[in-house]
Amino acid sequence: MSDWNSVAEALKLGGWVVYPLSLLAIVALAVTFDRAWVWWRYASVPRNEAARALPDGHVLRRLDALFDEALAPRGAPIWFIETQVDTAASQIQRDMSRGLWMLETIVTAAPLLGLLGTIVGMMHSFRLIGGDGLVNPTGVSGGVAQALVATAIGLVIALVSLFSFNYFSRRMDRLMDELESFANTRLGAMRLARERSGAAA
């Protein structure tokens, strides 16, 4: 219980900067949890499993359905199918990276807000120092504490957001590589089938 009281006291010392920092922390956590659920639900790639066995809405299943749809009009040219696949891959990339710009912004904004809290706290401390020396030691130490708390909170929020952003960015790169490999495999099989059917004719 005393630990929670210490945290509450530290937040109280942080001053008004704690409120926008708290808002940034809530947004960062919301985006992180949302993206984690989306990636787990729609982009986890089980090994040795066909695309049709994946859950509805999965990115590989979306591409697989796109190939089936492109093949439905018999004789659709390969260039048309490639264009459709490129468009679908771009849409998947936009869907999966939605909200990551907020994490990237928070990585920069949180330390700057913490620095602002530091400047405000130090200005408050210096204002209490009179021409004859220290007037109010408690007030000065409170201003320094406000400066340190705001900086610490800003750095913690930025670090959490940075790790989340880098993790999802890396997953995005791997997902696009997997989609490209999947599409190339399907396109190669289609080209081979058409070449064989043309040679047989």
N, C-alpha and C. Protein backbone atom coordinates (compact mmCIF):
# COMPACT_ATOMS: atom_id res chain seq x y z
N MET A 1 0.83 -1.21 0.00
CA MET A 1 0.00 0.00 0.00
C MET A 1 0.86 1.26 0.00
N SER A 2 1.97 1.18 0.74
CA SER A 2 2.86 2.33 0.80
C SER A 2 3.49 2.62 -0.57
N ASP A 3 3.70 1.53 -1.36
CA ASP A 3 4.26 1.73 -2.71
C ASP A 3 3.30 2.54 -3.58
N TRP A 4 2.00 2.20 -3.51
CA TRP A 4 1.01 2.95 -4.29
C TRP A 4 0.94 4.40 -3.83
N ASN A 5 1.07 4.62 -2.50
CA ASN A 5 1.07 6.00 -1.98
C ASN A 5 2.28 6.76 -2.51
N SER A 6 3.42 6.07 -2.61
CA SER A 6 4.63 6.72 -3.12
C SER A 6 4.45 7.08 -4.60
N VAL A 7 3.83 6.18 -5.38
CA VAL A 7 3.59 6.47 -6.79
C VAL A 7 2.63 7.65 -6.94
N ALA A 8 1.56 7.64 -6.14
CA ALA A 8 0.59 8.75 -6.21
C ALA A 8 1.25 10.07 -5.82
N GLU A 9 2.11 10.03 -4.82
CA GLU A 9 2.80 11.25 -4.39
C GLU A 9 3.75 11.74 -5.48
N ALA A 10 4.44 10.79 -6.15
CA ALA A 10 5.36 11.18 -7.23
C ALA A 10 4.59 11.80 -8.38
N LEU A 11 3.43 11.21 -8.73
CA LEU A 11 2.62 11.79 -9.81
C LEU A 11 2.11 13.17 -9.44
N LYS A 12 1.78 13.34 -8.16
CA LYS A 12 1.31 14.65 -7.70
C LYS A 12 2.43 15.68 -7.81
N LEU A 13 3.65 15.25 -7.53
CA LEU A 13 4.79 16.18 -7.64
C LEU A 13 5.09 16.55 -9.08
N GLY A 14 4.69 15.70 -10.02
CA GLY A 14 5.01 15.94 -11.42
C GLY A 14 4.37 17.18 -12.00
N GLY A 15 3.31 17.68 -11.37
CA GLY A 15 2.67 18.90 -11.86
C GLY A 15 1.73 18.64 -13.02
N TRP A 16 1.37 19.71 -13.71
CA TRP A 16 0.36 19.62 -14.77
C TRP A 16 0.83 18.80 -15.97
N VAL A 17 2.16 18.66 -16.14
CA VAL A 17 2.67 17.91 -17.29
C VAL A 17 2.28 16.43 -17.20
N VAL A 18 1.98 15.96 -16.00
CA VAL A 18 1.61 14.55 -15.83
C VAL A 18 0.33 14.24 -16.59
N TYR A 19 -0.58 15.20 -16.71
CA TYR A 19 -1.86 14.93 -17.37
C TYR A 19 -1.71 14.65 -18.87
N PRO A 20 -1.01 15.49 -19.63
CA PRO A 20 -0.80 15.12 -21.04
C PRO A 20 0.07 13.87 -21.20
N LEU A 21 1.02 13.67 -20.27
CA LEU A 21 1.82 12.45 -20.34
C LEU A 21 0.96 11.22 -20.08
N SER A 22 0.01 11.33 -19.16
CA SER A 22 -0.91 10.22 -18.89
C SER A 22 -1.75 9.92 -20.12
N LEU A 23 -2.19 10.97 -20.81
CA LEU A 23 -2.96 10.77 -22.04
C LEU A 23 -2.14 10.04 -23.10
N LEU A 24 -0.87 10.44 -23.24
CA LEU A 24 0.01 9.77 -24.19
C LEU A 24 0.21 8.30 -23.81
N ALA A 25 0.34 8.04 -22.50
CA ALA A 25 0.52 6.66 -22.05
C ALA A 25 -0.71 5.81 -22.37
N ILE A 26 -1.90 6.37 -22.17
CA ILE A 26 -3.14 5.63 -22.46
C ILE A 26 -3.23 5.34 -23.96
N VAL A 27 -2.92 6.34 -24.79
CA VAL A 27 -2.97 6.14 -26.24
C VAL A 27 -1.96 5.08 -26.67
N ALA A 28 -0.74 5.15 -26.12
CA ALA A 28 0.30 4.18 -26.49
C ALA A 28 -0.12 2.76 -26.11
N LEU A 29 -0.69 2.58 -24.91
CA LEU A 29 -1.12 1.25 -24.49
C LEU A 29 -2.30 0.77 -25.35
N ALA A 30 -3.23 1.68 -25.67
CA ALA A 30 -4.38 1.29 -26.48
C ALA A 30 -3.94 0.83 -27.87
N VAL A 31 -3.04 1.58 -28.49
CA VAL A 31 -2.55 1.20 -29.83
C VAL A 31 -1.78 -0.11 -29.75
N THR A 32 -0.96 -0.28 -28.72
CA THR A 32 -0.17 -1.50 -28.57
C THR A 32 -1.06 -2.73 -28.42
N PHE A 33 -2.06 -2.65 -27.53
CA PHE A 33 -2.95 -3.80 -27.33
C PHE A 33 -3.80 -4.08 -28.58
N ASP A 34 -4.25 -3.01 -29.24
CA ASP A 34 -5.05 -3.18 -30.45
C ASP A 34 -4.24 -3.86 -31.54
N ARG A 35 -3.02 -3.39 -31.78
CA ARG A 35 -2.18 -3.99 -32.82
C ARG A 35 -1.79 -5.42 -32.45
N ALA A 36 -1.53 -5.66 -31.16
CA ALA A 36 -1.18 -7.02 -30.74
C ALA A 36 -2.32 -7.99 -31.04
N TRP A 37 -3.55 -7.58 -30.78
CA TRP A 37 -4.70 -8.45 -31.05
C TRP A 37 -4.87 -8.65 -32.55
N VAL A 38 -4.74 -7.56 -33.32
CA VAL A 38 -4.91 -7.66 -34.78
C VAL A 38 -3.85 -8.58 -35.37
N TRP A 39 -2.61 -8.44 -34.95
CA TRP A 39 -1.55 -9.29 -35.48
C TRP A 39 -1.76 -10.74 -35.07
N TRP A 40 -2.20 -10.98 -33.85
CA TRP A 40 -2.43 -12.35 -33.41
C TRP A 40 -3.60 -12.97 -34.18
N ARG A 41 -4.62 -12.19 -34.46
CA ARG A 41 -5.83 -12.73 -35.09
C ARG A 41 -5.68 -12.87 -36.61
N TYR A 42 -5.05 -11.89 -37.25
CA TYR A 42 -5.08 -11.84 -38.71
C TYR A 42 -3.75 -12.05 -39.40
N ALA A 43 -2.66 -12.12 -38.65
CA ALA A 43 -1.36 -12.21 -39.32
C ALA A 43 -0.43 -13.25 -38.73
N SER A 44 -0.90 -14.05 -37.78
CA SER A 44 -0.05 -15.13 -37.30
C SER A 44 0.02 -16.19 -38.39
N VAL A 45 1.20 -16.65 -38.67
CA VAL A 45 1.39 -17.59 -39.78
C VAL A 45 1.79 -18.95 -39.22
N PRO A 46 0.83 -19.86 -39.08
CA PRO A 46 1.19 -21.20 -38.61
C PRO A 46 1.99 -21.93 -39.68
N ARG A 47 2.96 -22.68 -39.27
CA ARG A 47 3.82 -23.40 -40.21
C ARG A 47 3.11 -24.66 -40.73
N ASN A 48 3.42 -24.99 -41.98
CA ASN A 48 2.91 -26.21 -42.60
C ASN A 48 1.39 -26.27 -42.60
N GLU A 49 0.74 -25.14 -42.87
CA GLU A 49 -0.71 -25.13 -42.92
C GLU A 49 -1.14 -24.36 -44.16
N ALA A 50 -2.12 -24.90 -44.87
CA ALA A 50 -2.58 -24.26 -46.10
C ALA A 50 -3.30 -22.98 -45.79
N ALA A 51 -3.32 -22.05 -46.77
CA ALA A 51 -3.97 -20.76 -46.55
C ALA A 51 -5.46 -20.92 -46.31
N ARG A 52 -6.07 -21.91 -46.92
CA ARG A 52 -7.52 -22.08 -46.76
C ARG A 52 -7.88 -22.52 -45.36
N ALA A 53 -6.95 -23.09 -44.60
CA ALA A 53 -7.23 -23.53 -43.25
C ALA A 53 -7.09 -22.41 -42.22
N LEU A 54 -6.64 -21.24 -42.65
CA LEU A 54 -6.46 -20.11 -41.75
C LEU A 54 -7.81 -19.48 -41.43
N PRO A 55 -7.91 -18.72 -40.32
CA PRO A 55 -9.19 -18.12 -39.94
C PRO A 55 -9.65 -17.06 -40.93
N ASP A 56 -10.96 -16.78 -40.91
CA ASP A 56 -11.52 -15.76 -41.80
C ASP A 56 -10.85 -14.42 -41.55
N GLY A 57 -10.56 -13.71 -42.64
CA GLY A 57 -9.95 -12.40 -42.53
C GLY A 57 -8.43 -12.43 -42.47
N HIS A 58 -7.83 -13.63 -42.37
CA HIS A 58 -6.38 -13.72 -42.32
C HIS A 58 -5.79 -13.20 -43.63
N VAL A 59 -4.63 -12.54 -43.53
CA VAL A 59 -4.06 -11.88 -44.71
C VAL A 59 -3.72 -12.87 -45.82
N LEU A 60 -3.19 -14.04 -45.45
CA LEU A 60 -2.88 -15.03 -46.49
C LEU A 60 -4.15 -15.59 -47.12
N ARG A 61 -5.19 -15.73 -46.33
CA ARG A 61 -6.45 -16.21 -46.89
C ARG A 61 -7.06 -15.17 -47.83
N ARG A 62 -6.88 -13.88 -47.50
CA ARG A 62 -7.36 -12.82 -48.38
C ARG A 62 -6.65 -12.88 -49.73
N LEU A 63 -5.34 -13.10 -49.71
CA LEU A 63 -4.60 -13.20 -50.97
C LEU A 63 -5.01 -14.46 -51.75
N ASP A 64 -5.21 -15.55 -51.02
CA ASP A 64 -5.62 -16.79 -51.67
C ASP A 64 -6.97 -16.61 -52.37
N ALA A 65 -7.90 -15.95 -51.67
CA ALA A 65 -9.22 -15.69 -52.28
C ALA A 65 -9.09 -14.78 -53.48
N LEU A 66 -8.14 -13.83 -53.42
CA LEU A 66 -7.94 -12.92 -54.55
C LEU A 66 -7.45 -13.69 -55.79
N PHE A 67 -6.55 -14.65 -55.58
CA PHE A 67 -6.09 -15.47 -56.70
C PHE A 67 -7.25 -16.27 -57.29
N ASP A 68 -8.07 -16.86 -56.43
CA ASP A 68 -9.22 -17.62 -56.94
C ASP A 68 -10.17 -16.73 -57.73
N GLU A 69 -10.34 -15.51 -57.25
CA GLU A 69 -11.24 -14.58 -57.93
C GLU A 69 -10.66 -14.15 -59.28
N ALA A 70 -9.33 -13.95 -59.31
CA ALA A 70 -8.69 -13.55 -60.57
C ALA A 70 -8.70 -14.67 -61.59
N LEU A 71 -8.69 -15.91 -61.11
CA LEU A 71 -8.69 -17.05 -62.02
C LEU A 71 -10.09 -17.40 -62.54
N ALA A 72 -11.11 -16.84 -61.85
CA ALA A 72 -12.48 -17.17 -62.24
C ALA A 72 -12.76 -16.80 -63.69
N PRO A 73 -12.47 -15.56 -64.13
CA PRO A 73 -12.61 -15.29 -65.56
C PRO A 73 -11.48 -16.00 -66.30
N ARG A 74 -11.80 -17.04 -66.98
CA ARG A 74 -10.79 -17.89 -67.60
C ARG A 74 -9.92 -17.08 -68.56
N GLY A 75 -8.64 -17.22 -68.42
CA GLY A 75 -7.73 -16.57 -69.33
C GLY A 75 -7.36 -15.15 -68.93
N ALA A 76 -7.61 -14.73 -67.65
CA ALA A 76 -7.18 -13.40 -67.20
C ALA A 76 -5.67 -13.32 -67.30
N PRO A 77 -5.12 -12.26 -67.90
CA PRO A 77 -3.67 -12.18 -68.09
C PRO A 77 -2.92 -12.10 -66.77
N ILE A 78 -1.69 -12.57 -66.79
CA ILE A 78 -0.87 -12.60 -65.58
C ILE A 78 -0.63 -11.18 -65.05
N TRP A 79 -0.40 -10.23 -65.97
CA TRP A 79 -0.14 -8.85 -65.52
C TRP A 79 -1.33 -8.29 -64.74
N PHE A 80 -2.54 -8.67 -65.12
CA PHE A 80 -3.73 -8.20 -64.40
C PHE A 80 -3.77 -8.79 -62.98
N ILE A 81 -3.44 -10.06 -62.88
CA ILE A 81 -3.43 -10.70 -61.56
C ILE A 81 -2.34 -10.10 -60.68
N GLU A 82 -1.18 -9.83 -61.25
CA GLU A 82 -0.09 -9.20 -60.48
C GLU A 82 -0.50 -7.83 -59.97
N THR A 83 -1.20 -7.06 -60.81
CA THR A 83 -1.67 -5.74 -60.37
C THR A 83 -2.65 -5.86 -59.22
N GLN A 84 -3.57 -6.82 -59.33
CA GLN A 84 -4.54 -7.04 -58.26
C GLN A 84 -3.86 -7.44 -56.96
N VAL A 85 -2.85 -8.30 -57.06
CA VAL A 85 -2.13 -8.76 -55.87
C VAL A 85 -1.36 -7.60 -55.24
N ASP A 86 -0.72 -6.76 -56.07
CA ASP A 86 0.01 -5.60 -55.53
C ASP A 86 -0.94 -4.65 -54.80
N THR A 87 -2.11 -4.43 -55.37
CA THR A 87 -3.09 -3.56 -54.73
C THR A 87 -3.56 -4.14 -53.40
N ALA A 88 -3.82 -5.46 -53.39
CA ALA A 88 -4.26 -6.11 -52.15
C ALA A 88 -3.17 -6.07 -51.09
N ALA A 89 -1.90 -6.28 -51.49
CA ALA A 89 -0.79 -6.24 -50.53
C ALA A 89 -0.64 -4.84 -49.94
N SER A 90 -0.81 -3.81 -50.75
CA SER A 90 -0.74 -2.43 -50.23
C SER A 90 -1.87 -2.16 -49.24
N GLN A 91 -3.06 -2.67 -49.53
CA GLN A 91 -4.18 -2.49 -48.61
C GLN A 91 -3.94 -3.23 -47.30
N ILE A 92 -3.39 -4.44 -47.39
CA ILE A 92 -3.07 -5.20 -46.17
C ILE A 92 -2.03 -4.47 -45.34
N GLN A 93 -1.02 -3.89 -46.01
CA GLN A 93 0.01 -3.15 -45.29
C GLN A 93 -0.59 -1.95 -44.58
N ARG A 94 -1.51 -1.24 -45.24
CA ARG A 94 -2.17 -0.09 -44.59
C ARG A 94 -3.01 -0.54 -43.40
N ASP A 95 -3.74 -1.65 -43.56
CA ASP A 95 -4.59 -2.13 -42.47
C ASP A 95 -3.78 -2.56 -41.26
N MET A 96 -2.69 -3.28 -41.51
CA MET A 96 -1.91 -3.82 -40.39
C MET A 96 -1.06 -2.76 -39.69
N SER A 97 -0.73 -1.69 -40.39
CA SER A 97 0.10 -0.65 -39.77
C SER A 97 -0.72 0.52 -39.25
N ARG A 98 -2.03 0.37 -39.23
CA ARG A 98 -2.89 1.46 -38.76
C ARG A 98 -2.57 1.77 -37.29
N GLY A 99 -2.37 3.05 -36.99
CA GLY A 99 -2.11 3.48 -35.62
C GLY A 99 -0.65 3.52 -35.23
N LEU A 100 0.22 2.91 -36.05
CA LEU A 100 1.64 2.91 -35.69
C LEU A 100 2.25 4.30 -35.74
N TRP A 101 1.67 5.18 -36.56
CA TRP A 101 2.18 6.56 -36.61
C TRP A 101 2.00 7.24 -35.25
N MET A 102 0.96 6.83 -34.49
CA MET A 102 0.77 7.41 -33.17
C MET A 102 1.89 7.01 -32.22
N LEU A 103 2.29 5.72 -32.30
CA LEU A 103 3.41 5.28 -31.46
C LEU A 103 4.68 6.02 -31.82
N GLU A 104 4.90 6.21 -33.12
CA GLU A 104 6.10 6.94 -33.56
C GLU A 104 6.09 8.37 -33.06
N THR A 105 4.91 9.00 -33.06
CA THR A 105 4.79 10.37 -32.57
C THR A 105 5.02 10.43 -31.06
N ILE A 106 4.48 9.45 -30.33
CA ILE A 106 4.62 9.43 -28.87
C ILE A 106 6.08 9.24 -28.48
N VAL A 107 6.83 8.47 -29.27
CA VAL A 107 8.26 8.28 -28.99
C VAL A 107 8.98 9.62 -28.94
N THR A 108 8.57 10.55 -29.79
CA THR A 108 9.20 11.87 -29.80
C THR A 108 8.54 12.83 -28.82
N ALA A 109 7.21 12.78 -28.72
CA ALA A 109 6.48 13.77 -27.93
C ALA A 109 6.65 13.57 -26.42
N ALA A 110 6.68 12.32 -25.96
CA ALA A 110 6.74 12.07 -24.52
C ALA A 110 8.01 12.64 -23.87
N PRO A 111 9.21 12.40 -24.42
CA PRO A 111 10.39 13.01 -23.80
C PRO A 111 10.37 14.54 -23.86
N LEU A 112 9.79 15.08 -24.95
CA LEU A 112 9.73 16.55 -25.04
C LEU A 112 8.80 17.12 -23.97
N LEU A 113 7.68 16.45 -23.73
CA LEU A 113 6.79 16.89 -22.65
C LEU A 113 7.47 16.75 -21.30
N GLY A 114 8.20 15.64 -21.12
CA GLY A 114 8.96 15.48 -19.87
C GLY A 114 9.99 16.58 -19.70
N LEU A 115 10.65 16.95 -20.80
CA LEU A 115 11.62 18.05 -20.75
C LEU A 115 10.94 19.37 -20.41
N LEU A 116 9.75 19.57 -20.96
CA LEU A 116 8.99 20.76 -20.61
C LEU A 116 8.68 20.80 -19.12
N GLY A 117 8.29 19.63 -18.57
CA GLY A 117 8.05 19.56 -17.12
C GLY A 117 9.31 19.85 -16.33
N THR A 118 10.45 19.40 -16.84
CA THR A 118 11.73 19.68 -16.19
C THR A 118 12.01 21.18 -16.15
N ILE A 119 11.79 21.84 -17.29
CA ILE A 119 12.05 23.28 -17.37
C ILE A 119 11.12 24.04 -16.44
N VAL A 120 9.84 23.67 -16.43
CA VAL A 120 8.87 24.36 -15.57
C VAL A 120 9.24 24.16 -14.10
N GLY A 121 9.59 22.91 -13.74
CA GLY A 121 9.97 22.64 -12.34
C GLY A 121 11.21 23.40 -11.92
N MET A 122 12.21 23.46 -12.79
CA MET A 122 13.43 24.18 -12.45
C MET A 122 13.20 25.68 -12.38
N MET A 123 12.33 26.21 -13.26
CA MET A 123 11.99 27.63 -13.17
C MET A 123 11.29 27.94 -11.85
N HIS A 124 10.43 27.02 -11.43
CA HIS A 124 9.75 27.20 -10.14
C HIS A 124 10.77 27.21 -9.00
N SER A 125 11.76 26.33 -9.08
CA SER A 125 12.78 26.26 -8.03
C SER A 125 13.63 27.53 -8.01
N PHE A 126 14.05 28.00 -9.18
CA PHE A 126 14.90 29.19 -9.23
C PHE A 126 14.15 30.44 -8.79
N ARG A 127 12.83 30.45 -9.01
CA ARG A 127 12.05 31.60 -8.60
C ARG A 127 12.02 31.74 -7.08
N LEU A 128 12.17 30.60 -6.38
CA LEU A 128 12.13 30.63 -4.92
C LEU A 128 13.47 31.00 -4.29
N ILE A 129 14.49 31.10 -5.13
CA ILE A 129 15.79 31.49 -4.61
C ILE A 129 15.90 33.00 -4.70
N GLY A 130 15.98 33.64 -3.54
CA GLY A 130 16.04 35.10 -3.50
C GLY A 130 17.46 35.62 -3.66
N GLY A 131 17.59 36.90 -3.57
CA GLY A 131 18.91 37.50 -3.71
C GLY A 131 19.80 37.22 -2.51
N ASP A 132 19.20 36.93 -1.36
CA ASP A 132 19.99 36.67 -0.15
C ASP A 132 20.23 35.18 0.08
N GLY A 133 19.92 34.39 -0.86
CA GLY A 133 20.15 32.95 -0.68
C GLY A 133 18.84 32.18 -0.77
N LEU A 134 18.84 31.03 -0.12
CA LEU A 134 17.70 30.12 -0.18
C LEU A 134 16.59 30.65 0.72
N VAL A 135 15.41 30.87 0.13
CA VAL A 135 14.27 31.38 0.90
C VAL A 135 13.40 30.23 1.39
N ASN A 136 13.11 29.28 0.52
CA ASN A 136 12.20 28.18 0.87
C ASN A 136 12.79 26.87 0.37
N PRO A 137 13.58 26.17 1.20
CA PRO A 137 14.22 24.92 0.76
C PRO A 137 13.20 23.86 0.33
N THR A 138 12.07 23.80 1.04
CA THR A 138 11.05 22.80 0.69
C THR A 138 10.49 23.07 -0.70
N GLY A 139 10.24 24.33 -1.00
CA GLY A 139 9.71 24.67 -2.31
C GLY A 139 10.70 24.37 -3.43
N VAL A 140 11.99 24.65 -3.15
CA VAL A 140 13.01 24.38 -4.15
C VAL A 140 13.11 22.88 -4.42
N SER A 141 13.15 22.07 -3.36
CA SER A 141 13.24 20.62 -3.56
C SER A 141 11.99 20.08 -4.23
N GLY A 142 10.82 20.69 -3.97
CA GLY A 142 9.60 20.28 -4.66
C GLY A 142 9.67 20.56 -6.14
N GLY A 143 10.24 21.70 -6.53
CA GLY A 143 10.39 22.02 -7.94
C GLY A 143 11.34 21.07 -8.64
N VAL A 144 12.44 20.71 -7.95
CA VAL A 144 13.38 19.75 -8.53
C VAL A 144 12.71 18.38 -8.67
N ALA A 145 11.94 17.98 -7.67
CA ALA A 145 11.23 16.70 -7.74
C ALA A 145 10.24 16.70 -8.91
N GLN A 146 9.54 17.83 -9.10
CA GLN A 146 8.62 17.93 -10.23
C GLN A 146 9.37 17.74 -11.54
N ALA A 147 10.55 18.36 -11.63
CA ALA A 147 11.34 18.25 -12.86
C ALA A 147 11.76 16.80 -13.10
N LEU A 148 12.22 16.12 -12.06
CA LEU A 148 12.70 14.75 -12.23
C LEU A 148 11.57 13.78 -12.54
N VAL A 149 10.42 13.94 -11.87
CA VAL A 149 9.29 13.04 -12.11
C VAL A 149 8.78 13.16 -13.54
N ALA A 150 8.62 14.40 -14.02
CA ALA A 150 8.13 14.60 -15.39
C ALA A 150 9.08 13.98 -16.41
N THR A 151 10.38 14.16 -16.20
CA THR A 151 11.36 13.58 -17.12
C THR A 151 11.30 12.07 -17.11
N ALA A 152 11.22 11.48 -15.91
CA ALA A 152 11.19 10.02 -15.79
C ALA A 152 9.95 9.44 -16.47
N ILE A 153 8.80 10.05 -16.23
CA ILE A 153 7.56 9.54 -16.84
C ILE A 153 7.64 9.63 -18.36
N GLY A 154 8.12 10.77 -18.87
CA GLY A 154 8.25 10.93 -20.31
C GLY A 154 9.17 9.89 -20.93
N LEU A 155 10.29 9.59 -20.26
CA LEU A 155 11.23 8.61 -20.80
C LEU A 155 10.65 7.20 -20.78
N VAL A 156 9.92 6.86 -19.71
CA VAL A 156 9.32 5.52 -19.62
C VAL A 156 8.29 5.33 -20.74
N ILE A 157 7.44 6.33 -20.94
CA ILE A 157 6.42 6.24 -22.00
C ILE A 157 7.09 6.13 -23.36
N ALA A 158 8.14 6.91 -23.59
CA ALA A 158 8.84 6.86 -24.88
C ALA A 158 9.49 5.50 -25.10
N LEU A 159 10.07 4.91 -24.06
CA LEU A 159 10.72 3.62 -24.21
C LEU A 159 9.71 2.52 -24.54
N VAL A 160 8.58 2.50 -23.83
CA VAL A 160 7.55 1.49 -24.10
C VAL A 160 7.03 1.65 -25.54
N SER A 161 6.78 2.89 -25.94
CA SER A 161 6.28 3.14 -27.30
C SER A 161 7.31 2.76 -28.35
N LEU A 162 8.58 3.03 -28.07
CA LEU A 162 9.65 2.70 -29.02
C LEU A 162 9.75 1.19 -29.22
N PHE A 163 9.72 0.43 -28.12
CA PHE A 163 9.79 -1.03 -28.24
C PHE A 163 8.59 -1.56 -29.02
N SER A 164 7.40 -1.04 -28.73
CA SER A 164 6.20 -1.49 -29.44
C SER A 164 6.29 -1.16 -30.92
N PHE A 165 6.69 0.07 -31.23
CA PHE A 165 6.78 0.50 -32.63
C PHE A 165 7.79 -0.36 -33.39
N ASN A 166 8.95 -0.58 -32.80
CA ASN A 166 9.98 -1.38 -33.49
C ASN A 166 9.53 -2.82 -33.67
N TYR A 167 8.83 -3.38 -32.68
CA TYR A 167 8.35 -4.75 -32.77
C TYR A 167 7.35 -4.90 -33.92
N PHE A 168 6.36 -4.00 -33.96
CA PHE A 168 5.34 -4.11 -35.00
C PHE A 168 5.91 -3.76 -36.38
N SER A 169 6.87 -2.85 -36.44
CA SER A 169 7.50 -2.54 -37.73
C SER A 169 8.26 -3.75 -38.25
N ARG A 170 8.96 -4.44 -37.35
CA ARG A 170 9.68 -5.65 -37.76
C ARG A 170 8.71 -6.73 -38.21
N ARG A 171 7.60 -6.90 -37.49
CA ARG A 171 6.59 -7.88 -37.91
C ARG A 171 6.01 -7.52 -39.27
N MET A 172 5.84 -6.21 -39.51
CA MET A 172 5.31 -5.78 -40.80
C MET A 172 6.27 -6.15 -41.93
N ASP A 173 7.57 -5.95 -41.73
CA ASP A 173 8.54 -6.32 -42.75
C ASP A 173 8.51 -7.81 -43.03
N ARG A 174 8.43 -8.62 -41.98
CA ARG A 174 8.38 -10.07 -42.16
C ARG A 174 7.09 -10.49 -42.84
N LEU A 175 5.97 -9.84 -42.48
CA LEU A 175 4.70 -10.18 -43.11
C LEU A 175 4.73 -9.89 -44.60
N MET A 176 5.28 -8.73 -44.99
CA MET A 176 5.33 -8.40 -46.40
C MET A 176 6.24 -9.37 -47.17
N ASP A 177 7.32 -9.83 -46.52
CA ASP A 177 8.16 -10.84 -47.16
C ASP A 177 7.38 -12.14 -47.37
N GLU A 178 6.59 -12.53 -46.36
CA GLU A 178 5.80 -13.76 -46.47
C GLU A 178 4.73 -13.63 -47.56
N LEU A 179 4.09 -12.45 -47.62
CA LEU A 179 3.08 -12.24 -48.66
C LEU A 179 3.71 -12.28 -50.05
N GLU A 180 4.88 -11.68 -50.18
CA GLU A 180 5.56 -11.68 -51.47
C GLU A 180 5.94 -13.11 -51.89
N SER A 181 6.43 -13.90 -50.92
CA SER A 181 6.79 -15.28 -51.22
C SER A 181 5.55 -16.09 -51.61
N PHE A 182 4.45 -15.88 -50.88
CA PHE A 182 3.21 -16.59 -51.18
C PHE A 182 2.71 -16.23 -52.58
N ALA A 183 2.71 -14.92 -52.89
CA ALA A 183 2.22 -14.47 -54.20
C ALA A 183 3.12 -14.98 -55.33
N ASN A 184 4.43 -14.95 -55.12
CA ASN A 184 5.34 -15.44 -56.16
C ASN A 184 5.16 -16.92 -56.42
N THR A 185 4.90 -17.69 -55.34
CA THR A 185 4.67 -19.13 -55.52
C THR A 185 3.41 -19.38 -56.35
N ARG A 186 2.33 -18.65 -56.01
CA ARG A 186 1.09 -18.84 -56.77
C ARG A 186 1.23 -18.38 -58.22
N LEU A 187 1.88 -17.24 -58.42
CA LEU A 187 2.06 -16.74 -59.79
C LEU A 187 2.95 -17.67 -60.61
N GLY A 188 4.00 -18.21 -59.97
CA GLY A 188 4.86 -19.15 -60.68
C GLY A 188 4.11 -20.40 -61.09
N ALA A 189 3.26 -20.91 -60.18
CA ALA A 189 2.46 -22.09 -60.52
C ALA A 189 1.49 -21.79 -61.66
N MET A 190 0.91 -20.58 -61.66
CA MET A 190 -0.02 -20.21 -62.73
C MET A 190 0.71 -20.10 -64.07
N ARG A 191 1.90 -19.48 -64.06
CA ARG A 191 2.66 -19.36 -65.31
C ARG A 191 3.02 -20.74 -65.86
N LEU A 192 3.47 -21.61 -64.96
CA LEU A 192 3.83 -22.95 -65.40
C LEU A 192 2.64 -23.71 -65.98
N ALA A 193 1.50 -23.60 -65.31
CA ALA A 193 0.29 -24.28 -65.81
C ALA A 193 -0.10 -23.75 -67.17
N ARG A 194 0.01 -22.44 -67.37
CA ARG A 194 -0.38 -21.86 -68.67
C ARG A 194 0.61 -22.24 -69.76
N GLU A 195 1.88 -22.29 -69.41
CA GLU A 195 2.88 -22.70 -70.40
C GLU A 195 2.65 -24.15 -70.83
N ARG A 196 2.32 -25.00 -69.87
CA ARG A 196 2.08 -26.41 -70.19
C ARG A 196 0.82 -26.57 -71.04
N SER A 197 -0.23 -25.81 -70.68
CA SER A 197 -1.47 -25.91 -71.46
C SER A 197 -1.26 -25.36 -72.88
N GLY A 198 -0.43 -24.30 -73.01
CA GLY A 198 -0.13 -23.76 -74.33
C GLY A 198 0.69 -24.71 -75.15
N ALA A 199 1.65 -25.41 -74.50
CA ALA A 199 2.47 -26.37 -75.24
C ALA A 199 1.65 -27.57 -75.67
N ALA A 200 0.70 -27.98 -74.80
CA ALA A 200 -0.14 -29.11 -75.15
C ALA A 200 -1.08 -28.77 -76.30
N ALA A 201 -1.53 -27.50 -76.34
CA ALA A 201 -2.42 -27.08 -77.42
C ALA A 201 -1.64 -26.99 -78.73
